[in-house]
């Protein structure tokens, strides 16, 4: 498996986990996956406000980002 396919597989896993964790519908999950593909996960979380997601989904994702930052230390999304 080449690097791009591996990366996209991991992006899909992450989108699936987020969808399950915060109760996203299929459309929101697909939007998130496409954002991961185009900008990467770190940029996705940095640009949450500008993405075309519902306010409720954006708030939930901000909470996920905060948890990652608190638990990640140097590995966080800063």
PDB file of N, CA and C in Angstrom:
ATOM      1  N   UNK A   1       0.855  -1.174   0.000  1.00  0.00           N
ATOM      2  CA  UNK A   1       0.000   0.000   0.000  1.00  0.00           C
ATOM      3  C   UNK A   1       0.903   1.240   0.000  1.00  0.00           C
ATOM      4  N   UNK A   2       0.627   2.177  -0.885  1.00  0.00           N
ATOM      5  CA  UNK A   2       1.466   3.366  -0.934  1.00  0.00           C
ATOM      6  C   UNK A   2       1.069   4.350   0.167  1.00  0.00           C
ATOM      7  N   UNK A   3       1.899   5.357   0.352  1.00  0.00           N
ATOM      8  CA  UNK A   3       1.713   6.308   1.445  1.00  0.00           C
ATOM      9  C   UNK A   3       0.378   7.054   1.360  1.00  0.00           C
ATOM     10  N   UNK A   4      -0.013   7.462   0.165  1.00  0.00           N
ATOM     11  CA  UNK A   4      -1.273   8.199   0.011  1.00  0.00           C
ATOM     12  C   UNK A   4      -2.476   7.335   0.379  1.00  0.00           C
ATOM     13  N   UNK A   5      -2.482   6.093  -0.061  1.00  0.00           N
ATOM     14  CA  UNK A   5      -3.586   5.189   0.291  1.00  0.00           C
ATOM     15  C   UNK A   5      -3.632   4.928   1.795  1.00  0.00           C
ATOM     16  N   UNK A   6      -2.457   4.757   2.388  1.00  0.00           N
ATOM     17  CA  UNK A   6      -2.386   4.539   3.829  1.00  0.00           C
ATOM     18  C   UNK A   6      -2.926   5.757   4.581  1.00  0.00           C
ATOM     19  N   UNK A   7      -2.512   6.952   4.150  1.00  0.00           N
ATOM     20  CA  UNK A   7      -2.982   8.183   4.783  1.00  0.00           C
ATOM     21  C   UNK A   7      -4.504   8.300   4.666  1.00  0.00           C
ATOM     22  N   UNK A   8      -5.044   8.047   3.481  1.00  0.00           N
ATOM     23  CA  UNK A   8      -6.491   8.149   3.287  1.00  0.00           C
ATOM     24  C   UNK A   8      -7.258   7.110   4.101  1.00  0.00           C
ATOM     25  N   UNK A   9      -6.675   5.930   4.256  1.00  0.00           N
ATOM     26  CA  UNK A   9      -7.284   4.905   5.099  1.00  0.00           C
ATOM     27  C   UNK A   9      -7.351   5.382   6.546  1.00  0.00           C
ATOM     28  N   UNK A  10      -6.270   5.998   7.013  1.00  0.00           N
ATOM     29  CA  UNK A  10      -6.249   6.520   8.380  1.00  0.00           C
ATOM     30  C   UNK A  10      -7.223   7.684   8.545  1.00  0.00           C
ATOM     31  N   UNK A  11      -7.328   8.547   7.540  1.00  0.00           N
ATOM     32  CA  UNK A  11      -8.297   9.645   7.583  1.00  0.00           C
ATOM     33  C   UNK A  11      -9.721   9.099   7.685  1.00  0.00           C
ATOM     34  N   UNK A  12     -10.009   8.053   6.933  1.00  0.00           N
ATOM     35  CA  UNK A  12     -11.342   7.448   6.981  1.00  0.00           C
ATOM     36  C   UNK A  12     -11.621   6.861   8.365  1.00  0.00           C
ATOM     37  N   UNK A  13     -10.630   6.196   8.942  1.00  0.00           N
ATOM     38  CA  UNK A  13     -10.793   5.654  10.295  1.00  0.00           C
ATOM     39  C   UNK A  13     -11.077   6.771  11.294  1.00  0.00           C
ATOM     40  N   UNK A  14     -10.336   7.867  11.178  1.00  0.00           N
ATOM     41  CA  UNK A  14     -10.535   9.000  12.088  1.00  0.00           C
ATOM     42  C   UNK A  14     -11.920   9.609  11.923  1.00  0.00           C
ATOM     43  N   UNK A  15     -12.358   9.776  10.691  1.00  0.00           N
ATOM     44  CA  UNK A  15     -13.696  10.324  10.438  1.00  0.00           C
ATOM     45  C   UNK A  15     -14.768   9.386  10.994  1.00  0.00           C
ATOM     46  N   UNK A  16     -14.583   8.088  10.816  1.00  0.00           N
ATOM     47  CA  UNK A  16     -15.535   7.110  11.356  1.00  0.00           C
ATOM     48  C   UNK A  16     -15.597   7.183  12.885  1.00  0.00           C
ATOM     49  N   UNK A  17     -14.427   7.276  13.522  1.00  0.00           N
ATOM     50  CA  UNK A  17     -14.388   7.362  14.984  1.00  0.00           C
ATOM     51  C   UNK A  17     -15.047   8.639  15.492  1.00  0.00           C
ATOM     52  N   UNK A  18     -14.754   9.761  14.838  1.00  0.00           N
ATOM     53  CA  UNK A  18     -15.392  11.020  15.228  1.00  0.00           C
ATOM     54  C   UNK A  18     -16.904  10.935  15.070  1.00  0.00           C
ATOM     55  N   UNK A  19     -17.347  10.355  13.966  1.00  0.00           N
ATOM     56  CA  UNK A  19     -18.782  10.224  13.718  1.00  0.00           C
ATOM     57  C   UNK A  19     -19.452   9.402  14.813  1.00  0.00           C
ATOM     58  N   UNK A  20     -18.802   8.328  15.207  1.00  0.00           N
ATOM     59  CA  UNK A  20     -19.362   7.482  16.260  1.00  0.00           C
ATOM     60  C   UNK A  20     -19.309   8.184  17.616  1.00  0.00           C
ATOM     61  N   UNK A  21     -18.209   8.852  17.893  1.00  0.00           N
ATOM     62  CA  UNK A  21     -18.008   9.507  19.181  1.00  0.00           C
ATOM     63  C   UNK A  21     -19.009  10.628  19.437  1.00  0.00           C
ATOM     64  N   UNK A  22     -19.240  11.461  18.427  1.00  0.00           N
ATOM     65  CA  UNK A  22     -20.101  12.629  18.656  1.00  0.00           C
ATOM     66  C   UNK A  22     -21.434  12.550  17.916  1.00  0.00           C
ATOM     67  N   UNK A  23     -21.729  11.397  17.341  1.00  0.00           N
ATOM     68  CA  UNK A  23     -23.041  11.174  16.744  1.00  0.00           C
ATOM     69  C   UNK A  23     -23.300  11.959  15.471  1.00  0.00           C
ATOM     70  N   UNK A  24     -22.380  11.887  14.532  1.00  0.00           N
ATOM     71  CA  UNK A  24     -22.536  12.600  13.262  1.00  0.00           C
ATOM     72  C   UNK A  24     -23.335  11.782  12.263  1.00  0.00           C
ATOM     73  N   UNK A  25     -24.051  12.474  11.395  1.00  0.00           N
ATOM     74  CA  UNK A  25     -24.729  11.778  10.309  1.00  0.00           C
ATOM     75  C   UNK A  25     -23.732  11.505   9.177  1.00  0.00           C
ATOM     76  N   UNK A  26     -24.166  10.765   8.189  1.00  0.00           N
ATOM     77  CA  UNK A  26     -23.292  10.348   7.091  1.00  0.00           C
ATOM     78  C   UNK A  26     -22.753  11.550   6.319  1.00  0.00           C
ATOM     79  N   UNK A  27     -23.589  12.562   6.116  1.00  0.00           N
ATOM     80  CA  UNK A  27     -23.148  13.742   5.368  1.00  0.00           C
ATOM     81  C   UNK A  27     -22.038  14.494   6.096  1.00  0.00           C
ATOM     82  N   UNK A  28     -22.191  14.687   7.392  1.00  0.00           N
ATOM     83  CA  UNK A  28     -21.166  15.385   8.174  1.00  0.00           C
ATOM     84  C   UNK A  28     -19.873  14.584   8.188  1.00  0.00           C
ATOM     85  N   UNK A  29     -19.996  13.271   8.333  1.00  0.00           N
ATOM     86  CA  UNK A  29     -18.803  12.420   8.336  1.00  0.00           C
ATOM     87  C   UNK A  29     -18.069  12.523   7.007  1.00  0.00           C
ATOM     88  N   UNK A  30     -18.800  12.537   5.911  1.00  0.00           N
ATOM     89  CA  UNK A  30     -18.187  12.646   4.583  1.00  0.00           C
ATOM     90  C   UNK A  30     -17.504  14.004   4.404  1.00  0.00           C
ATOM     91  N   UNK A  31     -18.128  15.072   4.885  1.00  0.00           N
ATOM     92  CA  UNK A  31     -17.506  16.399   4.815  1.00  0.00           C
ATOM     93  C   UNK A  31     -16.190  16.421   5.585  1.00  0.00           C
ATOM     94  N   UNK A  32     -16.209  15.832   6.760  1.00  0.00           N
ATOM     95  CA  UNK A  32     -15.000  15.796   7.583  1.00  0.00           C
ATOM     96  C   UNK A  32     -13.915  14.991   6.892  1.00  0.00           C
ATOM     97  N   UNK A  33     -14.264  13.847   6.347  1.00  0.00           N
ATOM     98  CA  UNK A  33     -13.281  13.025   5.634  1.00  0.00           C
ATOM     99  C   UNK A  33     -12.674  13.796   4.466  1.00  0.00           C
ATOM    100  N   UNK A  34     -13.496  14.488   3.697  1.00  0.00           N
ATOM    101  CA  UNK A  34     -12.985  15.266   2.564  1.00  0.00           C
ATOM    102  C   UNK A  34     -12.077  16.396   3.036  1.00  0.00           C
ATOM    103  N   UNK A  35     -12.417  17.007   4.158  1.00  0.00           N
ATOM    104  CA  UNK A  35     -11.542  18.039   4.723  1.00  0.00           C
ATOM    105  C   UNK A  35     -10.210  17.436   5.163  1.00  0.00           C
ATOM    106  N   UNK A  36     -10.250  16.281   5.806  1.00  0.00           N
ATOM    107  CA  UNK A  36      -9.014  15.605   6.191  1.00  0.00           C
ATOM    108  C   UNK A  36      -8.139  15.376   4.966  1.00  0.00           C
ATOM    109  N   UNK A  37      -8.750  14.885   3.890  1.00  0.00           N
ATOM    110  CA  UNK A  37      -7.999  14.614   2.660  1.00  0.00           C
ATOM    111  C   UNK A  37      -7.360  15.875   2.091  1.00  0.00           C
ATOM    112  N   UNK A  38      -8.098  16.958   2.095  1.00  0.00           N
ATOM    113  CA  UNK A  38      -7.606  18.166   1.431  1.00  0.00           C
ATOM    114  C   UNK A  38      -6.670  18.997   2.294  1.00  0.00           C
ATOM    115  N   UNK A  39      -6.851  18.988   3.623  1.00  0.00           N
ATOM    116  CA  UNK A  39      -6.035  19.880   4.454  1.00  0.00           C
ATOM    117  C   UNK A  39      -5.295  19.195   5.589  1.00  0.00           C
ATOM    118  N   UNK A  40      -5.581  17.934   5.835  1.00  0.00           N
ATOM    119  CA  UNK A  40      -4.953  17.242   6.952  1.00  0.00           C
ATOM    120  C   UNK A  40      -5.735  17.454   8.237  1.00  0.00           C
ATOM    121  N   UNK A  41      -5.470  16.626   9.207  1.00  0.00           N
ATOM    122  CA  UNK A  41      -6.233  16.666  10.452  1.00  0.00           C
ATOM    123  C   UNK A  41      -5.887  17.894  11.285  1.00  0.00           C
ATOM    124  N   UNK A  42      -4.614  18.230  11.380  1.00  0.00           N
ATOM    125  CA  UNK A  42      -4.219  19.381  12.188  1.00  0.00           C
ATOM    126  C   UNK A  42      -4.863  20.663  11.664  1.00  0.00           C
ATOM    127  N   UNK A  43      -4.779  20.903  10.372  1.00  0.00           N
ATOM    128  CA  UNK A  43      -5.392  22.103   9.788  1.00  0.00           C
ATOM    129  C   UNK A  43      -6.906  22.075   9.926  1.00  0.00           C
ATOM    130  N   UNK A  44      -7.482  20.896   9.822  1.00  0.00           N
ATOM    131  CA  UNK A  44      -8.932  20.761  10.001  1.00  0.00           C
ATOM    132  C   UNK A  44      -9.351  21.328  11.349  1.00  0.00           C
ATOM    133  N   UNK A  45      -8.670  20.907  12.408  1.00  0.00           N
ATOM    134  CA  UNK A  45      -9.043  21.379  13.736  1.00  0.00           C
ATOM    135  C   UNK A  45      -8.713  22.858  13.932  1.00  0.00           C
ATOM    136  N   UNK A  46      -7.694  23.355  13.264  1.00  0.00           N
ATOM    137  CA  UNK A  46      -7.354  24.774  13.370  1.00  0.00           C
ATOM    138  C   UNK A  46      -8.363  25.654  12.645  1.00  0.00           C
ATOM    139  N   UNK A  47      -9.044  25.113  11.648  1.00  0.00           N
ATOM    140  CA  UNK A  47      -9.960  25.904  10.830  1.00  0.00           C
ATOM    141  C   UNK A  47     -11.429  25.515  11.017  1.00  0.00           C
ATOM    142  N   UNK A  48     -11.765  24.968  12.154  1.00  0.00           N
ATOM    143  CA  UNK A  48     -13.140  24.509  12.398  1.00  0.00           C
ATOM    144  C   UNK A  48     -14.184  25.585  12.118  1.00  0.00           C
ATOM    145  N   UNK A  49     -13.907  26.805  12.518  1.00  0.00           N
ATOM    146  CA  UNK A  49     -14.885  27.892  12.377  1.00  0.00           C
ATOM    147  C   UNK A  49     -15.250  28.162  10.923  1.00  0.00           C
ATOM    148  N   UNK A  50     -14.309  27.929  10.015  1.00  0.00           N
ATOM    149  CA  UNK A  50     -14.549  28.282   8.613  1.00  0.00           C
ATOM    150  C   UNK A  50     -15.135  27.136   7.790  1.00  0.00           C
ATOM    151  N   UNK A  51     -15.324  25.983   8.392  1.00  0.00           N
ATOM    152  CA  UNK A  51     -15.826  24.827   7.659  1.00  0.00           C
ATOM    153  C   UNK A  51     -17.345  24.846   7.582  1.00  0.00           C
ATOM    154  N   UNK A  52     -17.867  24.205   6.571  1.00  0.00           N
ATOM    155  CA  UNK A  52     -19.312  24.166   6.331  1.00  0.00           C
ATOM    156  C   UNK A  52     -19.957  23.027   7.122  1.00  0.00           C
ATOM    157  N   UNK A  53     -19.959  23.192   8.452  1.00  0.00           N
ATOM    158  CA  UNK A  53     -20.572  22.205   9.335  1.00  0.00           C
ATOM    159  C   UNK A  53     -21.600  22.916  10.204  1.00  0.00           C
ATOM    160  N   UNK A  54     -22.539  22.163  10.719  1.00  0.00           N
ATOM    161  CA  UNK A  54     -23.559  22.776  11.576  1.00  0.00           C
ATOM    162  C   UNK A  54     -22.899  23.329  12.843  1.00  0.00           C
ATOM    163  N   UNK A  55     -23.501  24.342  13.443  1.00  0.00           N
ATOM    164  CA  UNK A  55     -22.950  24.894  14.687  1.00  0.00           C
ATOM    165  C   UNK A  55     -22.824  23.832  15.785  1.00  0.00           C
ATOM    166  N   UNK A  56     -23.789  22.934  15.859  1.00  0.00           N
ATOM    167  CA  UNK A  56     -23.737  21.867  16.863  1.00  0.00           C
ATOM    168  C   UNK A  56     -22.529  20.955  16.631  1.00  0.00           C
ATOM    169  N   UNK A  57     -22.299  20.576  15.383  1.00  0.00           N
ATOM    170  CA  UNK A  57     -21.156  19.725  15.052  1.00  0.00           C
ATOM    171  C   UNK A  57     -19.854  20.456  15.333  1.00  0.00           C
ATOM    172  N   UNK A  58     -19.786  21.725  14.969  1.00  0.00           N
ATOM    173  CA  UNK A  58     -18.581  22.522  15.220  1.00  0.00           C
ATOM    174  C   UNK A  58     -18.287  22.590  16.713  1.00  0.00           C
ATOM    175  N   UNK A  59     -19.303  22.811  17.538  1.00  0.00           N
ATOM    176  CA  UNK A  59     -19.104  22.856  18.988  1.00  0.00           C
ATOM    177  C   UNK A  59     -18.592  21.525  19.525  1.00  0.00           C
ATOM    178  N   UNK A  60     -19.157  20.439  19.049  1.00  0.00           N
ATOM    179  CA  UNK A  60     -18.699  19.118  19.488  1.00  0.00           C
ATOM    180  C   UNK A  60     -17.245  18.890  19.085  1.00  0.00           C
ATOM    181  N   UNK A  61     -16.886  19.300  17.871  1.00  0.00           N
ATOM    182  CA  UNK A  61     -15.513  19.125  17.403  1.00  0.00           C
ATOM    183  C   UNK A  61     -14.542  20.022  18.169  1.00  0.00           C
ATOM    184  N   UNK A  62     -14.980  21.195  18.584  1.00  0.00           N
ATOM    185  CA  UNK A  62     -14.144  22.062  19.422  1.00  0.00           C
ATOM    186  C   UNK A  62     -13.848  21.370  20.750  1.00  0.00           C
ATOM    187  N   UNK A  63     -14.840  20.691  21.292  1.00  0.00           N
ATOM    188  CA  UNK A  63     -14.629  19.952  22.536  1.00  0.00           C
ATOM    189  C   UNK A  63     -13.637  18.813  22.345  1.00  0.00           C
ATOM    190  N   UNK A  64     -13.734  18.117  21.224  1.00  0.00           N
ATOM    191  CA  UNK A  64     -12.773  17.052  20.918  1.00  0.00           C
ATOM    192  C   UNK A  64     -11.373  17.648  20.798  1.00  0.00           C
ATOM    193  N   UNK A  65     -11.258  18.772  20.113  1.00  0.00           N
ATOM    194  CA  UNK A  65      -9.964  19.453  19.962  1.00  0.00           C
ATOM    195  C   UNK A  65      -9.387  19.811  21.326  1.00  0.00           C
ATOM    196  N   UNK A  66     -10.215  20.340  22.220  1.00  0.00           N
ATOM    197  CA  UNK A  66      -9.755  20.713  23.556  1.00  0.00           C
ATOM    198  C   UNK A  66      -9.237  19.499  24.320  1.00  0.00           C
ATOM    199  N   UNK A  67      -9.932  18.388  24.209  1.00  0.00           N
ATOM    200  CA  UNK A  67      -9.490  17.164  24.883  1.00  0.00           C
ATOM    201  C   UNK A  67      -8.154  16.703  24.322  1.00  0.00           C
ATOM    202  N   UNK A  68      -8.002  16.746  23.004  1.00  0.00           N
ATOM    203  CA  UNK A  68      -6.741  16.347  22.379  1.00  0.00           C
ATOM    204  C   UNK A  68      -5.610  17.240  22.863  1.00  0.00           C
ATOM    205  N   UNK A  69      -5.861  18.544  22.902  1.00  0.00           N
ATOM    206  CA  UNK A  69      -4.829  19.480  23.340  1.00  0.00           C
ATOM    207  C   UNK A  69      -4.454  19.256  24.796  1.00  0.00           C
ATOM    208  N   UNK A  70      -5.438  19.009  25.650  1.00  0.00           N
ATOM    209  CA  UNK A  70      -5.165  18.788  27.068  1.00  0.00           C
ATOM    210  C   UNK A  70      -4.400  17.493  27.312  1.00  0.00           C
ATOM    211  N   UNK A  71      -4.724  16.469  26.565  1.00  0.00           N
ATOM    212  CA  UNK A  71      -4.093  15.173  26.801  1.00  0.00           C
ATOM    213  C   UNK A  71      -2.846  14.957  25.962  1.00  0.00           C
ATOM    214  N   UNK A  72      -2.641  15.792  24.945  1.00  0.00           N
ATOM    215  CA  UNK A  72      -1.547  15.566  24.026  1.00  0.00           C
ATOM    216  C   UNK A  72      -0.221  16.185  24.393  1.00  0.00           C
ATOM    217  N   UNK A  73      -0.213  17.218  25.221  1.00  0.00           N
ATOM    218  CA  UNK A  73       1.049  17.875  25.534  1.00  0.00           C
ATOM    219  C   UNK A  73       1.748  18.331  24.279  1.00  0.00           C
ATOM    220  N   UNK A  74       2.962  17.860  24.077  1.00  0.00           N
ATOM    221  CA  UNK A  74       3.738  18.223  22.890  1.00  0.00           C
ATOM    222  C   UNK A  74       3.138  17.651  21.621  1.00  0.00           C
ATOM    223  N   UNK A  75       2.350  16.595  21.732  1.00  0.00           N
ATOM    224  CA  UNK A  75       1.754  15.971  20.554  1.00  0.00           C
ATOM    225  C   UNK A  75       0.430  16.615  20.187  1.00  0.00           C
ATOM    226  N   UNK A  76       0.006  17.648  20.896  1.00  0.00           N
ATOM    227  CA  UNK A  76      -1.284  18.286  20.670  1.00  0.00           C
ATOM    228  C   UNK A  76      -1.368  18.982  19.330  1.00  0.00           C
ATOM    229  N   UNK A  77      -2.438  19.710  19.131  1.00  0.00           N
ATOM    230  CA  UNK A  77      -2.721  20.353  17.851  1.00  0.00           C
ATOM    231  C   UNK A  77      -2.321  21.818  17.843  1.00  0.00           C
ATOM    232  N   UNK A  78      -1.381  22.210  18.629  1.00  0.00           N
ATOM    233  CA  UNK A  78      -0.987  23.620  18.699  1.00  0.00           C
ATOM    234  C   UNK A  78      -0.135  24.029  17.561  1.00  0.00           C
TER     235      UNK A  78
END
